[in-house]
PDB file of N, CA and C in Angstrom:
ATOM      1  N   MET A   1      -7.081 -14.856 -20.063  1.00  0.00           N
ATOM      2  CA  MET A   1      -6.445 -14.211 -19.355  1.00  0.00           C
ATOM      3  C   MET A   1      -5.485 -14.507 -18.429  1.00  0.00           C
ATOM      4  N   ALA A   2      -4.898 -15.768 -18.762  1.00  0.00           N
ATOM      5  CA  ALA A   2      -4.062 -16.642 -17.999  1.00  0.00           C
ATOM      6  C   ALA A   2      -2.753 -15.278 -17.637  1.00  0.00           C
ATOM      7  N   ASN A   3      -2.392 -14.774 -18.758  1.00  0.00           N
ATOM      8  CA  ASN A   3      -1.018 -14.379 -18.659  1.00  0.00           C
ATOM      9  C   ASN A   3      -1.405 -12.737 -17.486  1.00  0.00           C
ATOM     10  N   ILE A   4      -2.282 -12.574 -17.393  1.00  0.00           N
ATOM     11  CA  ILE A   4      -2.680 -11.095 -16.346  1.00  0.00           C
ATOM     12  C   ILE A   4      -2.385 -11.739 -14.963  1.00  0.00           C
ATOM     13  N   LYS A   5      -1.611 -10.961 -14.420  1.00  0.00           N
ATOM     14  CA  LYS A   5      -1.010 -11.294 -12.995  1.00  0.00           C
ATOM     15  C   LYS A   5      -1.131  -9.999 -11.992  1.00  0.00           C
ATOM     16  N   GLU A   6      -1.741 -10.261 -10.744  1.00  0.00           N
ATOM     17  CA  GLU A   6      -2.227  -9.163  -9.921  1.00  0.00           C
ATOM     18  C   GLU A   6      -0.843  -8.524  -9.393  1.00  0.00           C
ATOM     19  N   ILE A   7      -1.037  -7.194  -9.663  1.00  0.00           N
ATOM     20  CA  ILE A   7       0.313  -6.191  -8.977  1.00  0.00           C
ATOM     21  C   ILE A   7      -0.191  -5.725  -7.606  1.00  0.00           C
ATOM     22  N   GLU A   8       0.640  -5.960  -6.677  1.00  0.00           N
ATOM     23  CA  GLU A   8       0.165  -5.218  -5.451  1.00  0.00           C
ATOM     24  C   GLU A   8       1.240  -3.862  -5.303  1.00  0.00           C
ATOM     25  N   GLU A   9       0.233  -2.827  -5.215  1.00  0.00           N
ATOM     26  CA  GLU A   9       0.909  -1.578  -5.591  1.00  0.00           C
ATOM     27  C   GLU A   9       1.064  -0.691  -3.851  1.00  0.00           C
ATOM     28  N   VAL A  10       2.393  -0.337  -3.313  1.00  0.00           N
ATOM     29  CA  VAL A  10       2.196   0.507  -2.120  1.00  0.00           C
ATOM     30  C   VAL A  10       1.663   1.780  -2.337  1.00  0.00           C
ATOM     31  N   ILE A  11       0.786   1.821  -1.735  1.00  0.00           N
ATOM     32  CA  ILE A  11       0.999   3.675  -1.467  1.00  0.00           C
ATOM     33  C   ILE A  11       1.257   4.292  -0.824  1.00  0.00           C
ATOM     34  N   MET A  12       1.103   3.730   0.626  1.00  0.00           N
ATOM     35  CA  MET A  12       2.031   4.742   1.648  1.00  0.00           C
ATOM     36  C   MET A  12       2.946   3.769   2.681  1.00  0.00           C
ATOM     37  N   VAL A  13       3.907   4.071   2.870  1.00  0.00           N
ATOM     38  CA  VAL A  13       4.890   3.473   4.153  1.00  0.00           C
ATOM     39  C   VAL A  13       4.899   4.358   5.295  1.00  0.00           C
ATOM     40  N   ILE A  14       4.821   3.532   6.236  1.00  0.00           N
ATOM     41  CA  ILE A  14       4.829   4.579   7.766  1.00  0.00           C
ATOM     42  C   ILE A  14       5.610   3.994   8.356  1.00  0.00           C
ATOM     43  N   GLY A  15       6.687   4.543   9.030  1.00  0.00           N
ATOM     44  CA  GLY A  15       7.851   3.934   9.850  1.00  0.00           C
ATOM     45  C   GLY A  15       9.060   5.090  10.313  1.00  0.00           C
ATOM     46  N   SER A  16       9.880   4.755  11.015  1.00  0.00           N
ATOM     47  CA  SER A  16      10.802   5.788  11.030  1.00  0.00           C
ATOM     48  C   SER A  16      12.082   4.835  10.466  1.00  0.00           C
ATOM     49  N   LYS A  17      13.041   5.552  10.197  1.00  0.00           N
ATOM     50  CA  LYS A  17      14.013   5.154   9.194  1.00  0.00           C
ATOM     51  C   LYS A  17      15.011   4.584  10.106  1.00  0.00           C
ATOM     52  N   GLY A  18      15.507   3.790  10.326  1.00  0.00           N
ATOM     53  CA  GLY A  18      16.542   2.495  10.939  1.00  0.00           C
ATOM     54  C   GLY A  18      15.973   2.220  12.519  1.00  0.00           C
ATOM     55  N   SER A  19      14.629   2.142  12.648  1.00  0.00           N
ATOM     56  CA  SER A  19      13.748   1.682  13.756  1.00  0.00           C
ATOM     57  C   SER A  19      13.574   0.209  13.808  1.00  0.00           C
ATOM     58  N   ASP A  20      13.579  -0.157  14.832  1.00  0.00           N
ATOM     59  CA  ASP A  20      13.356  -1.577  14.908  1.00  0.00           C
ATOM     60  C   ASP A  20      11.920  -2.064  15.155  1.00  0.00           C
ATOM     61  N   GLY A  21      11.014  -1.158  15.054  1.00  0.00           N
ATOM     62  CA  GLY A  21       9.762  -0.989  15.409  1.00  0.00           C
ATOM     63  C   GLY A  21       8.829  -1.349  13.902  1.00  0.00           C
ATOM     64  N   GLY A  22       9.632  -1.411  12.978  1.00  0.00           N
ATOM     65  CA  GLY A  22       8.839  -1.973  11.637  1.00  0.00           C
ATOM     66  C   GLY A  22       8.294  -0.981  10.987  1.00  0.00           C
ATOM     67  N   TYR A  23       7.672  -1.568  10.111  1.00  0.00           N
ATOM     68  CA  TYR A  23       6.891  -0.613   9.070  1.00  0.00           C
ATOM     69  C   TYR A  23       5.723  -0.765   8.562  1.00  0.00           C
ATOM     70  N   SER A  24       4.673  -0.269   8.337  1.00  0.00           N
ATOM     71  CA  SER A  24       3.155  -0.359   8.327  1.00  0.00           C
ATOM     72  C   SER A  24       3.300   0.118   6.710  1.00  0.00           C
ATOM     73  N   VAL A  25       2.805  -0.621   5.844  1.00  0.00           N
ATOM     74  CA  VAL A  25       3.001  -0.413   4.274  1.00  0.00           C
ATOM     75  C   VAL A  25       1.588  -0.720   4.097  1.00  0.00           C
ATOM     76  N   LEU A  26       0.885   0.707   3.431  1.00  0.00           N
ATOM     77  CA  LEU A  26      -0.540   0.583   3.121  1.00  0.00           C
ATOM     78  C   LEU A  26      -0.495   0.107   1.480  1.00  0.00           C
ATOM     79  N   THR A  27      -1.411  -0.957   1.065  1.00  0.00           N
ATOM     80  CA  THR A  27      -1.448  -1.303  -0.373  1.00  0.00           C
ATOM     81  C   THR A  27      -2.921  -1.335  -0.365  1.00  0.00           C
ATOM     82  N   PRO A  28      -3.188  -1.664  -1.828  1.00  0.00           N
ATOM     83  CA  PRO A  28      -4.658  -1.645  -2.111  1.00  0.00           C
ATOM     84  C   PRO A  28      -5.673  -2.397  -1.582  1.00  0.00           C
ATOM     85  N   HIS A  29      -5.112  -3.366  -0.930  1.00  0.00           N
ATOM     86  CA  HIS A  29      -5.325  -4.725  -0.239  1.00  0.00           C
ATOM     87  C   HIS A  29      -5.445  -4.824   1.024  1.00  0.00           C
ATOM     88  N   GLY A  30      -4.989  -3.762   1.818  1.00  0.00           N
ATOM     89  CA  GLY A  30      -5.304  -3.661   3.154  1.00  0.00           C
ATOM     90  C   GLY A  30      -4.146  -3.162   3.946  1.00  0.00           C
ATOM     91  N   LEU A  31      -3.774  -3.000   5.054  1.00  0.00           N
ATOM     92  CA  LEU A  31      -2.279  -2.641   5.591  1.00  0.00           C
ATOM     93  C   LEU A  31      -1.697  -3.709   6.222  1.00  0.00           C
ATOM     94  N   LEU A  32      -0.491  -3.886   5.718  1.00  0.00           N
ATOM     95  CA  LEU A  32       0.760  -4.579   6.240  1.00  0.00           C
ATOM     96  C   LEU A  32       1.838  -4.206   7.050  1.00  0.00           C
ATOM     97  N   HIS A  33       2.215  -5.226   7.865  1.00  0.00           N
ATOM     98  CA  HIS A  33       3.666  -4.778   8.607  1.00  0.00           C
ATOM     99  C   HIS A  33       4.545  -5.509   8.339  1.00  0.00           C
ATOM    100  N   VAL A  34       5.612  -5.025   7.905  1.00  0.00           N
ATOM    101  CA  VAL A  34       6.995  -5.413   7.893  1.00  0.00           C
ATOM    102  C   VAL A  34       7.912  -5.309   9.273  1.00  0.00           C
ATOM    103  N   PRO A  35       8.371  -6.300   9.601  1.00  0.00           N
ATOM    104  CA  PRO A  35       9.382  -6.165  10.886  1.00  0.00           C
ATOM    105  C   PRO A  35      10.429  -5.311  10.434  1.00  0.00           C
ATOM    106  N   GLY A  36      10.997  -4.560  11.333  1.00  0.00           N
ATOM    107  CA  GLY A  36      12.173  -3.478  11.164  1.00  0.00           C
ATOM    108  C   GLY A  36      13.217  -4.129  11.366  1.00  0.00           C
ATOM    109  N   ASN A  37      13.913  -5.394  11.289  1.00  0.00           N
ATOM    110  CA  ASN A  37      15.037  -6.034  11.561  1.00  0.00           C
ATOM    111  C   ASN A  37      15.334  -6.955   9.932  1.00  0.00           C
ATOM    112  N   ASN A  38      14.240  -6.466   9.046  1.00  0.00           N
ATOM    113  CA  ASN A  38      14.545  -6.868   7.698  1.00  0.00           C
ATOM    114  C   ASN A  38      15.058  -6.118   6.859  1.00  0.00           C
ATOM    115  N   PRO A  39      16.558  -6.920   6.625  1.00  0.00           N
ATOM    116  CA  PRO A  39      17.252  -5.816   5.880  1.00  0.00           C
ATOM    117  C   PRO A  39      16.835  -5.193   4.754  1.00  0.00           C
ATOM    118  N   LEU A  40      16.026  -6.225   4.035  1.00  0.00           N
ATOM    119  CA  LEU A  40      15.714  -5.462   2.155  1.00  0.00           C
ATOM    120  C   LEU A  40      14.570  -4.482   2.824  1.00  0.00           C
ATOM    121  N   ILE A  41      13.788  -4.410   3.698  1.00  0.00           N
ATOM    122  CA  ILE A  41      12.673  -3.586   3.837  1.00  0.00           C
ATOM    123  C   ILE A  41      13.470  -2.207   4.301  1.00  0.00           C
ATOM    124  N   ARG A  42      14.709  -2.134   5.103  1.00  0.00           N
ATOM    125  CA  ARG A  42      15.491  -0.884   5.421  1.00  0.00           C
ATOM    126  C   ARG A  42      16.051  -0.352   4.196  1.00  0.00           C
ATOM    127  N   GLU A  43      16.492  -1.178   3.385  1.00  0.00           N
ATOM    128  CA  GLU A  43      16.920  -1.184   2.026  1.00  0.00           C
ATOM    129  C   GLU A  43      16.187  -0.140   1.029  1.00  0.00           C
ATOM    130  N   ALA A  44      14.885  -0.745   1.169  1.00  0.00           N
ATOM    131  CA  ALA A  44      13.930  -0.228   0.306  1.00  0.00           C
ATOM    132  C   ALA A  44      13.601   1.093   0.993  1.00  0.00           C
ATOM    133  N   TYR A  45      12.965   1.028   2.221  1.00  0.00           N
ATOM    134  CA  TYR A  45      12.991   2.600   2.896  1.00  0.00           C
ATOM    135  C   TYR A  45      13.794   3.649   2.632  1.00  0.00           C
ATOM    136  N   ALA A  46      15.051   3.406   2.593  1.00  0.00           N
ATOM    137  CA  ALA A  46      15.876   4.167   2.484  1.00  0.00           C
ATOM    138  C   ALA A  46      16.054   5.233   0.826  1.00  0.00           C
ATOM    139  N   ALA A  47      15.962   3.991  -0.077  1.00  0.00           N
ATOM    140  CA  ALA A  47      15.685   4.364  -1.217  1.00  0.00           C
ATOM    141  C   ALA A  47      14.392   4.978  -1.604  1.00  0.00           C
ATOM    142  N   LEU A  48      13.256   4.639  -0.943  1.00  0.00           N
ATOM    143  CA  LEU A  48      12.271   5.622  -0.926  1.00  0.00           C
ATOM    144  C   LEU A  48      12.197   6.960  -0.364  1.00  0.00           C
ATOM    145  N   VAL A  49      13.010   6.954   0.733  1.00  0.00           N
ATOM    146  CA  VAL A  49      13.005   8.708   1.326  1.00  0.00           C
ATOM    147  C   VAL A  49      13.792   9.293   0.407  1.00  0.00           C
ATOM    148  N   LYS A  50      14.806   8.726  -0.276  1.00  0.00           N
ATOM    149  CA  LYS A  50      15.647   9.497  -1.434  1.00  0.00           C
ATOM    150  C   LYS A  50      15.110   9.793  -2.344  1.00  0.00           C
ATOM    151  N   ALA A  51      14.275   8.818  -2.898  1.00  0.00           N
ATOM    152  CA  ALA A  51      13.513   9.086  -4.264  1.00  0.00           C
ATOM    153  C   ALA A  51      12.191  10.315  -4.130  1.00  0.00           C
ATOM    154  N   ASN A  52      11.594  10.094  -2.740  1.00  0.00           N
ATOM    155  CA  ASN A  52      10.687  11.492  -2.673  1.00  0.00           C
ATOM    156  C   ASN A  52      11.206  12.431  -2.120  1.00  0.00           C
ATOM    157  N   LEU A  53      12.535  12.550  -1.703  1.00  0.00           N
ATOM    158  CA  LEU A  53      13.338  13.905  -1.843  1.00  0.00           C
ATOM    159  C   LEU A  53      13.691  14.333  -3.088  1.00  0.00           C
ATOM    160  N   LYS A  54      13.587  13.655  -4.085  1.00  0.00           N
ATOM    161  CA  LYS A  54      14.108  13.791  -5.293  1.00  0.00           C
ATOM    162  C   LYS A  54      12.731  14.653  -6.004  1.00  0.00           C
ATOM    163  N   VAL A  55      11.970  13.562  -5.642  1.00  0.00           N
ATOM    164  CA  VAL A  55      10.566  14.390  -6.232  1.00  0.00           C
ATOM    165  C   VAL A  55      10.210  15.620  -5.610  1.00  0.00           C
ATOM    166  N   GLN A  56      10.415  15.959  -4.312  1.00  0.00           N
ATOM    167  CA  GLN A  56      10.043  17.236  -3.688  1.00  0.00           C
ATOM    168  C   GLN A  56      10.871  18.342  -4.771  1.00  0.00           C
ATOM    169  N   GLU A  57      12.131  18.045  -4.514  1.00  0.00           N
ATOM    170  CA  GLU A  57      13.152  18.973  -5.007  1.00  0.00           C
ATOM    171  C   GLU A  57      12.979  19.386  -6.593  1.00  0.00           C
ATOM    172  N   ILE A  58      12.233  18.493  -7.228  1.00  0.00           N
ATOM    173  CA  ILE A  58      12.028  18.504  -8.916  1.00  0.00           C
ATOM    174  C   ILE A  58      10.654  19.488  -8.984  1.00  0.00           C
ATOM    175  N   ALA A  59       9.819  19.209  -8.200  1.00  0.00           N
ATOM    176  CA  ALA A  59       8.269  19.930  -7.795  1.00  0.00           C
ATOM    177  C   ALA A  59       8.691  21.138  -7.368  1.00  0.00           C
ATOM    178  N   GLN A  60       9.229  21.133  -6.642  1.00  0.00           N
ATOM    179  CA  GLN A  60       9.872  23.069  -6.460  1.00  0.00           C
ATOM    180  C   GLN A  60      10.561  23.767  -7.100  1.00  0.00           C
ATOM    181  N   LYS A  61      11.496  23.057  -7.834  1.00  0.00           N
ATOM    182  CA  LYS A  61      11.972  23.681  -9.166  1.00  0.00           C
ATOM    183  C   LYS A  61      10.988  24.380 -10.122  1.00  0.00           C
ATOM    184  N   GLN A  62       9.997  22.893 -10.596  1.00  0.00           N
ATOM    185  CA  GLN A  62       9.035  23.208 -11.225  1.00  0.00           C
ATOM    186  C   GLN A  62       8.196  24.522 -11.168  1.00  0.00           C
ATOM    187  N   HIS A  63       7.703  24.458  -9.548  1.00  0.00           N
ATOM    188  CA  HIS A  63       6.932  25.776  -8.919  1.00  0.00           C
ATOM    189  C   HIS A  63       7.621  26.956  -9.490  1.00  0.00           C
ATOM    190  N   ALA A  64       8.645  27.158  -8.945  1.00  0.00           N
ATOM    191  CA  ALA A  64       9.251  28.125  -8.928  1.00  0.00           C
ATOM    192  C   ALA A  64       9.722  28.540 -10.295  1.00  0.00           C
ATOM    193  N   GLY A  65       9.809  27.792 -11.143  1.00  0.00           N
ATOM    194  CA  GLY A  65      10.171  28.288 -12.795  1.00  0.00           C
ATOM    195  C   GLY A  65       8.869  28.590 -13.434  1.00  0.00           C
TER     196      GLY A  65
END
């Protein structure tokens, strides 16, 4: 079993886009806080918001059809 690696999945991200207050990230291992001045989290959060909007758009089209 040496080839099995633990994967930490993000369940939910709580924060304001562009906020300096940072983000709270809920994972299966607990709640983590990431500072808002981290450019990687800002980029990832923007991508997450965009992906969530796309998922909602697809779901609405599926429901309407």
